[in-house]
Amino acid sequence: MAVTTTQTNMTGQSGFSPCPWADPEDQDPPTCQTVSFHTTSQGTAIHSISLPGGADSLLWSVPGQVYWLAGSEDGTVAVEAEGAMSQDYVWEPLPPPYPPVGFRINAQAQVIADCAIVYRNAVSAGALRHRVASTDACQGQQGQGTIAPAPPAPGAPLR
């Protein structure tokens, strides 16, 4: 199981002003503000969960986000799509027409950087075996099919 943590920071906020749905004749109208945020992936922990007893053990961690995770049939190789995600969004008053009144989150498209397919040794704390840069691996429907053995490391003898 892959558990990714993210961090969200407030990056800006407007001052308070009458909400767009406020009655212009109201002497004490409700006030609103717009707040901007930035979210980034902080790392992913790969866990093994025992199905009969539910015991959890941490196998390894990676600094980015894991988009999908698969294992070889013999259980010795783990394959992951790893990358770094960031996203900006704004919490803002709903635009007209009214009703309804309230707020919405206006999210920008996620930015995914440093995406790669990564082969790891699943039995030795996720030691890196091979990394292949791939912008497609972190987007869309992935993970269907089978896993081929990891390609040999550069300079390693062929078997």
Protein backbone atom coordinates (compact mmCIF):
# COMPACT_ATOMS: atom_id res chain seq x y z
CA MET A 1 0.00 0.00 0.00
CA ALA A 2 1.31 3.47 -0.88
CA VAL A 3 0.50 6.39 1.44
CA THR A 4 1.40 9.82 0.07
CA THR A 5 1.50 12.90 2.29
CA THR A 6 0.93 16.39 0.95
CA GLN A 7 1.49 19.83 2.41
CA THR A 8 -0.77 22.79 1.78
CA ASN A 9 0.32 26.36 2.49
CA MET A 10 -1.66 29.56 2.24
CA THR A 11 0.04 31.78 -0.33
CA GLY A 12 -2.16 34.87 -0.21
CA GLN A 13 -5.44 36.38 0.81
CA SER A 14 -7.50 39.38 -0.15
CA GLY A 15 -8.89 41.85 2.31
CA PHE A 16 -12.47 41.52 3.48
CA SER A 17 -15.12 43.18 1.32
CA PRO A 18 -18.90 42.81 0.98
CA CYS A 19 -19.79 39.43 -0.45
CA PRO A 20 -20.96 39.57 -4.08
CA TRP A 21 -24.46 38.41 -3.07
CA ALA A 22 -24.84 41.05 -0.32
CA ASP A 23 -27.77 43.42 -0.56
CA PRO A 24 -26.37 46.82 -1.61
CA GLU A 25 -28.79 48.50 0.83
CA ASP A 26 -27.54 46.43 3.81
CA GLN A 27 -25.75 48.68 6.33
CA ASP A 28 -23.82 45.71 7.75
CA PRO A 29 -23.38 43.30 4.80
CA PRO A 30 -21.71 39.91 5.10
CA THR A 31 -18.05 40.12 4.18
CA CYS A 32 -15.96 37.70 2.13
CA GLN A 33 -12.35 37.20 1.16
CA THR A 34 -10.46 35.12 -1.36
CA VAL A 35 -7.64 32.85 -0.13
CA SER A 36 -4.94 31.22 -2.29
CA PHE A 37 -3.19 27.94 -1.48
CA HIS A 38 -0.33 25.82 -2.86
CA THR A 39 -0.15 22.04 -2.33
CA THR A 40 2.89 19.82 -2.90
CA SER A 41 3.56 16.12 -2.44
CA GLN A 42 5.97 15.52 0.45
CA GLY A 43 6.74 11.83 0.10
CA THR A 44 5.23 8.37 0.00
CA ALA A 45 5.59 5.46 2.41
CA ILE A 46 5.23 1.95 0.99
CA HIS A 47 3.66 -0.47 3.49
CA SER A 48 3.02 -4.20 3.61
CA ILE A 49 -0.29 -5.16 5.23
CA SER A 50 -0.82 -8.72 6.44
CA LEU A 51 -4.32 -9.68 5.32
CA PRO A 52 -5.07 -12.28 8.01
CA GLY A 53 -3.95 -10.18 10.99
CA GLY A 54 -3.79 -6.63 9.65
CA ALA A 55 -0.18 -6.11 10.76
CA ASP A 56 1.41 -3.09 9.09
CA SER A 57 5.11 -2.83 8.30
CA LEU A 58 6.88 0.00 6.52
CA LEU A 59 8.89 -1.33 3.56
CA TRP A 60 10.47 1.85 2.16
CA SER A 61 9.83 5.53 1.47
CA VAL A 62 10.29 7.74 -1.57
CA PRO A 63 10.57 11.54 -1.66
CA GLY A 64 7.79 12.10 -4.21
CA GLN A 65 4.32 10.80 -4.95
CA VAL A 66 3.61 7.23 -6.08
CA TYR A 67 0.94 7.21 -8.79
CA TRP A 68 0.70 3.45 -9.14
CA LEU A 69 2.46 0.45 -7.64
CA ALA A 70 2.76 -3.12 -8.90
CA GLY A 71 4.69 -6.25 -8.00
CA SER A 72 6.26 -8.99 -10.05
CA GLU A 73 4.75 -12.47 -9.88
CA ASP A 74 7.74 -13.78 -7.91
CA GLY A 75 7.49 -10.91 -5.42
CA THR A 76 11.07 -9.70 -5.88
CA VAL A 77 10.48 -6.58 -7.98
CA ALA A 78 8.23 -3.61 -7.28
CA VAL A 79 7.44 -1.19 -10.08
CA GLU A 80 6.16 2.31 -9.37
CA ALA A 81 5.37 5.50 -11.18
CA GLU A 82 7.00 8.22 -9.07
CA GLY A 83 6.85 11.98 -9.52
CA ALA A 84 6.43 15.28 -7.73
CA MET A 85 2.98 16.92 -7.69
CA SER A 86 2.09 20.53 -7.03
CA GLN A 87 -1.19 22.39 -7.41
CA ASP A 88 -2.48 25.90 -6.83
CA TYR A 89 -6.05 26.68 -5.93
CA VAL A 90 -8.22 29.52 -4.70
CA TRP A 91 -11.08 29.50 -2.18
CA GLU A 92 -13.45 32.21 -3.38
CA PRO A 93 -17.07 33.40 -3.23
CA LEU A 94 -19.41 31.75 -5.73
CA PRO A 95 -20.07 33.89 -8.80
CA PRO A 96 -23.62 34.92 -9.80
CA PRO A 97 -26.39 33.94 -10.36
CA TYR A 98 -27.68 33.79 -6.78
CA PRO A 99 -28.92 31.70 -5.05
CA PRO A 100 -27.00 29.62 -4.16
CA VAL A 101 -24.61 31.64 -2.08
CA GLY A 102 -21.37 30.31 -0.65
CA PHE A 103 -17.83 29.52 -1.65
CA ARG A 104 -16.02 27.26 -4.09
CA ILE A 105 -12.52 25.91 -4.58
CA ASN A 106 -11.17 26.90 -7.97
CA ALA A 107 -8.32 24.44 -8.61
CA GLN A 108 -5.67 24.89 -11.26
CA ALA A 109 -4.33 21.87 -13.14
CA GLN A 110 -1.88 19.72 -11.23
CA VAL A 111 1.76 20.07 -12.25
CA ILE A 112 3.63 16.77 -12.27
CA ALA A 113 7.42 16.91 -12.49
CA ASP A 114 10.24 14.35 -12.51
CA CYS A 115 7.91 11.47 -13.44
CA ALA A 116 9.51 8.08 -13.97
CA ILE A 117 8.84 4.36 -13.93
CA VAL A 118 10.98 2.98 -11.13
CA TYR A 119 12.00 -0.64 -10.59
CA ARG A 120 12.87 -1.48 -6.99
CA ASN A 121 14.07 -4.57 -5.18
CA ALA A 122 10.98 -5.53 -3.18
CA VAL A 123 12.87 -7.74 -0.74
CA SER A 124 15.69 -5.36 0.23
CA ALA A 125 14.02 -2.19 1.47
CA GLY A 126 13.12 -0.96 -2.00
CA ALA A 127 16.67 -0.55 -3.25
CA LEU A 128 16.62 1.23 -6.61
CA ARG A 129 17.30 -1.10 -9.54
CA HIS A 130 16.38 1.03 -12.55
CA ARG A 131 14.66 4.34 -13.35
CA VAL A 132 13.13 5.31 -16.70
CA ALA A 133 11.91 8.89 -17.19
CA SER A 134 8.32 8.89 -18.48
CA THR A 135 5.88 11.80 -18.47
CA ASP A 136 2.99 9.44 -19.30
CA ALA A 137 3.47 7.09 -16.33
CA CYS A 138 2.02 9.59 -13.82
CA GLN A 139 -1.09 10.45 -15.82
CA GLY A 140 -4.22 8.65 -16.94
CA GLN A 141 -5.19 5.01 -16.58
CA GLN A 142 -2.11 3.02 -15.64
CA GLY A 143 -1.31 -0.24 -13.95
CA GLN A 144 -3.25 -2.67 -16.13
CA GLY A 145 -1.27 -5.62 -17.44
CA THR A 146 1.80 -7.50 -16.34
CA ILE A 147 5.26 -6.55 -15.12
CA ALA A 148 8.34 -7.55 -17.09
CA PRO A 149 11.62 -8.15 -15.25
CA ALA A 150 13.67 -5.04 -14.62
CA PRO A 151 16.15 -4.24 -17.37
CA PRO A 152 19.78 -4.92 -16.41
CA ALA A 153 21.60 -2.09 -14.68
CA PRO A 154 24.08 -0.23 -16.90
CA GLY A 155 27.35 -2.17 -17.01
CA ALA A 156 25.82 -5.29 -15.44
CA PRO A 157 26.43 -8.60 -17.20
CA LEU A 158 23.48 -10.05 -19.10
CA ARG A 159 22.00 -13.25 -17.70
